[in-house]
C-alpha atoms as a PDB file:
ATOM      1  CA  MET A   1     -18.484-143.326 206.868  1.00  0.00           C
ATOM      2  CA  HIS A   2     -21.082-142.487 204.261  1.00  0.00           C
ATOM      3  CA  VAL A   3     -19.311-139.296 203.116  1.00  0.00           C
ATOM      4  CA  LYS A   4     -15.893-138.659 201.607  1.00  0.00           C
ATOM      5  CA  LYS A   5     -13.620-135.675 200.993  1.00  0.00           C
ATOM      6  CA  GLY A   6     -14.942-133.556 198.122  1.00  0.00           C
ATOM      7  CA  ASP A   7     -18.615-134.579 198.522  1.00  0.00           C
ATOM      8  CA  THR A   8     -21.274-131.869 198.564  1.00  0.00           C
ATOM      9  CA  VAL A   9     -23.411-132.172 201.680  1.00  0.00           C
ATOM     10  CA  GLN A  10     -26.258-130.380 203.431  1.00  0.00           C
ATOM     11  CA  ILE A  11     -26.367-129.862 207.201  1.00  0.00           C
ATOM     12  CA  ILE A  12     -29.527-131.500 208.567  1.00  0.00           C
ATOM     13  CA  THR A  13     -29.467-130.449 212.229  1.00  0.00           C
ATOM     14  CA  GLY A  14     -28.078-127.814 214.574  1.00  0.00           C
ATOM     15  CA  LYS A  15     -27.585-124.065 214.260  1.00  0.00           C
ATOM     16  CA  GLU A  16     -26.196-124.419 210.716  1.00  0.00           C
ATOM     17  CA  LYS A  17     -29.211-126.447 209.493  1.00  0.00           C
ATOM     18  CA  GLY A  18     -29.891-126.073 205.767  1.00  0.00           C
ATOM     19  CA  LYS A  19     -26.415-124.873 204.772  1.00  0.00           C
ATOM     20  CA  VAL A  20     -24.700-126.601 201.850  1.00  0.00           C
ATOM     21  CA  GLY A  21     -20.944-127.053 201.564  1.00  0.00           C
ATOM     22  CA  GLU A  22     -18.101-129.265 200.398  1.00  0.00           C
ATOM     23  CA  ILE A  23     -16.300-131.662 202.719  1.00  0.00           C
ATOM     24  CA  LEU A  24     -12.714-130.488 203.210  1.00  0.00           C
ATOM     25  CA  GLN A  25     -11.490-133.166 205.614  1.00  0.00           C
ATOM     26  CA  THR A  26     -12.723-136.348 207.279  1.00  0.00           C
ATOM     27  CA  TYR A  27     -11.822-137.971 210.598  1.00  0.00           C
ATOM     28  CA  PRO A  28     -13.097-141.571 210.262  1.00  0.00           C
ATOM     29  CA  LYS A  29     -11.953-142.766 213.704  1.00  0.00           C
ATOM     30  CA  VAL A  30     -14.120-140.211 215.500  1.00  0.00           C
ATOM     31  CA  SER A  31     -16.747-140.011 212.713  1.00  0.00           C
ATOM     32  CA  LYS A  32     -16.365-136.261 212.146  1.00  0.00           C
ATOM     33  CA  VAL A  33     -16.102-134.089 209.039  1.00  0.00           C
ATOM     34  CA  VAL A  34     -15.038-130.523 208.257  1.00  0.00           C
ATOM     35  CA  VAL A  35     -17.437-128.718 205.898  1.00  0.00           C
ATOM     36  CA  LYS A  36     -16.464-125.524 204.049  1.00  0.00           C
ATOM     37  CA  GLY A  37     -18.190-122.466 205.537  1.00  0.00           C
ATOM     38  CA  VAL A  38     -19.932-124.397 208.327  1.00  0.00           C
ATOM     39  CA  ASN A  39     -19.240-124.262 212.090  1.00  0.00           C
ATOM     40  CA  VAL A  40     -16.728-121.408 211.712  1.00  0.00           C
ATOM     41  CA  ARG A  41     -14.852-120.634 214.931  1.00  0.00           C
ATOM     42  CA  THR A  42     -12.417-117.860 215.846  1.00  0.00           C
ATOM     43  CA  LYS A  43      -9.139-118.423 217.629  1.00  0.00           C
ATOM     44  CA  HIS A  44      -6.871-115.822 219.229  1.00  0.00           C
ATOM     45  CA  VAL A  45      -3.218-116.532 218.425  1.00  0.00           C
ATOM     46  CA  LYS A  46      -0.397-115.086 220.522  1.00  0.00           C
ATOM     47  CA  PRO A  47       2.568-113.467 218.755  1.00  0.00           C
ATOM     48  CA  GLN A  48       5.333-115.979 218.055  1.00  0.00           C
ATOM     49  CA  GLN A  49       8.282-113.614 217.535  1.00  0.00           C
ATOM     50  CA  GLU A  50       9.447-110.346 219.036  1.00  0.00           C
ATOM     51  CA  GLY A  51       7.708-107.386 217.396  1.00  0.00           C
ATOM     52  CA  GLU A  52       4.999-109.520 215.806  1.00  0.00           C
ATOM     53  CA  SER A  53       1.397-108.774 216.722  1.00  0.00           C
ATOM     54  CA  GLY A  54      -1.231-111.315 217.725  1.00  0.00           C
ATOM     55  CA  LYS A  55      -3.958-112.435 215.319  1.00  0.00           C
ATOM     56  CA  ILE A  56      -7.545-113.572 215.288  1.00  0.00           C
ATOM     57  CA  VAL A  57      -7.864-116.608 213.003  1.00  0.00           C
ATOM     58  CA  SER A  58     -11.116-118.093 211.660  1.00  0.00           C
ATOM     59  CA  PHE A  59     -11.339-121.813 210.926  1.00  0.00           C
ATOM     60  CA  GLU A  60     -13.959-124.503 210.284  1.00  0.00           C
ATOM     61  CA  ALA A  61     -14.378-126.859 213.236  1.00  0.00           C
ATOM     62  CA  PRO A  62     -15.410-130.508 212.713  1.00  0.00           C
ATOM     63  CA  ILE A  63     -19.018-131.670 213.082  1.00  0.00           C
ATOM     64  CA  HIS A  64     -20.355-135.202 213.466  1.00  0.00           C
ATOM     65  CA  SER A  65     -20.915-137.054 210.187  1.00  0.00           C
ATOM     66  CA  SER A  66     -24.456-138.039 211.225  1.00  0.00           C
ATOM     67  CA  ASN A  67     -25.428-134.364 210.964  1.00  0.00           C
ATOM     68  CA  VAL A  68     -24.759-134.186 207.207  1.00  0.00           C
ATOM     69  CA  MET A  69     -26.549-135.673 204.213  1.00  0.00           C
ATOM     70  CA  HIS A  70     -25.455-135.951 200.573  1.00  0.00           C
ATOM     71  CA  TYR A  71     -26.730-133.086 198.413  1.00  0.00           C
ATOM     72  CA  SER A  72     -27.596-133.170 194.715  1.00  0.00           C
ATOM     73  CA  GLU A  73     -26.487-130.000 192.902  1.00  0.00           C
ATOM     74  CA  LYS A  74     -28.740-130.774 189.906  1.00  0.00           C
ATOM     75  CA  GLU A  75     -31.977-131.463 191.789  1.00  0.00           C
ATOM     76  CA  LYS A  76     -31.221-129.188 194.797  1.00  0.00           C
ATOM     77  CA  VAL A  77     -32.275-131.919 197.241  1.00  0.00           C
ATOM     78  CA  ALA A  78     -30.579-133.841 200.083  1.00  0.00           C
ATOM     79  CA  SER A  79     -30.735-137.628 199.957  1.00  0.00           C
ATOM     80  CA  ARG A  80     -29.553-140.795 201.630  1.00  0.00           C
ATOM     81  CA  VAL A  81     -27.068-143.073 199.864  1.00  0.00           C
ATOM     82  CA  CYS A  82     -27.317-146.694 198.791  1.00  0.00           C
ATOM     83  CA  TYR A  83     -24.547-148.808 197.318  1.00  0.00           C
ATOM     84  CA  THR A  84     -24.769-150.619 193.975  1.00  0.00           C
ATOM     85  CA  PHE A  85     -22.367-152.410 191.672  1.00  0.00           C
ATOM     86  CA  SER A  86     -21.665-151.528 188.036  1.00  0.00           C
ATOM     87  CA  GLU A  87     -21.511-154.121 185.267  1.00  0.00           C
ATOM     88  CA  ASP A  88     -17.717-154.296 185.518  1.00  0.00           C
ATOM     89  CA  GLY A  89     -17.889-154.949 189.283  1.00  0.00           C
ATOM     90  CA  ARG A  90     -17.047-151.500 190.668  1.00  0.00           C
ATOM     91  CA  LYS A  91     -18.878-150.385 193.815  1.00  0.00           C
ATOM     92  CA  LEU A  92     -20.875-147.188 193.273  1.00  0.00           C
ATOM     93  CA  ARG A  93     -22.731-144.816 195.566  1.00  0.00           C
ATOM     94  CA  GLN A  94     -26.231-143.870 194.437  1.00  0.00           C
ATOM     95  CA  LEU A  95     -28.471-141.134 195.819  1.00  0.00           C
ATOM     96  CA  LYS A  96     -31.830-142.637 196.806  1.00  0.00           C
ATOM     97  CA  LYS A  97     -34.036-139.700 195.752  1.00  0.00           C
ATOM     98  CA  THR A  98     -32.414-138.778 192.437  1.00  0.00           C
ATOM     99  CA  GLY A  99     -30.616-141.950 191.341  1.00  0.00           C
ATOM    100  CA  GLU A 100     -27.345-140.068 190.682  1.00  0.00           C
ATOM    101  CA  LEU A 101     -24.241-142.278 190.745  1.00  0.00           C
ATOM    102  CA  SER A 102     -20.753-141.517 192.024  1.00  0.00           C
ATOM    103  CA  ASN A 103     -17.611-143.654 192.140  1.00  0.00           C
ATOM    104  CA  MET A 104     -16.109-145.102 195.282  1.00  0.00           C
ATOM    105  CA  LYS A 105     -12.502-143.902 195.565  1.00  0.00           C
END
């Protein structure tokens, strides 16, 4: 996948189009990501113990990784990613539009 946990991304399609958030979790096998503040769902939870009341819980649901694009905080622009190598042989990710570099973890 072209995105990793902790990356800042922008949503490029769907009802949340244009929103910017940080990736909280990735699911590489199904190519999905969870983005902070995006695709928020509510879930009704039954009480677990006697005397406890039920709850309504909000959570971020996963979206497909093809619907997000890397986002540059400095330039305020979304960009595709290319891969380059540093002089010491490390693989780096580089934003196409801005040229910003980030390490592969």
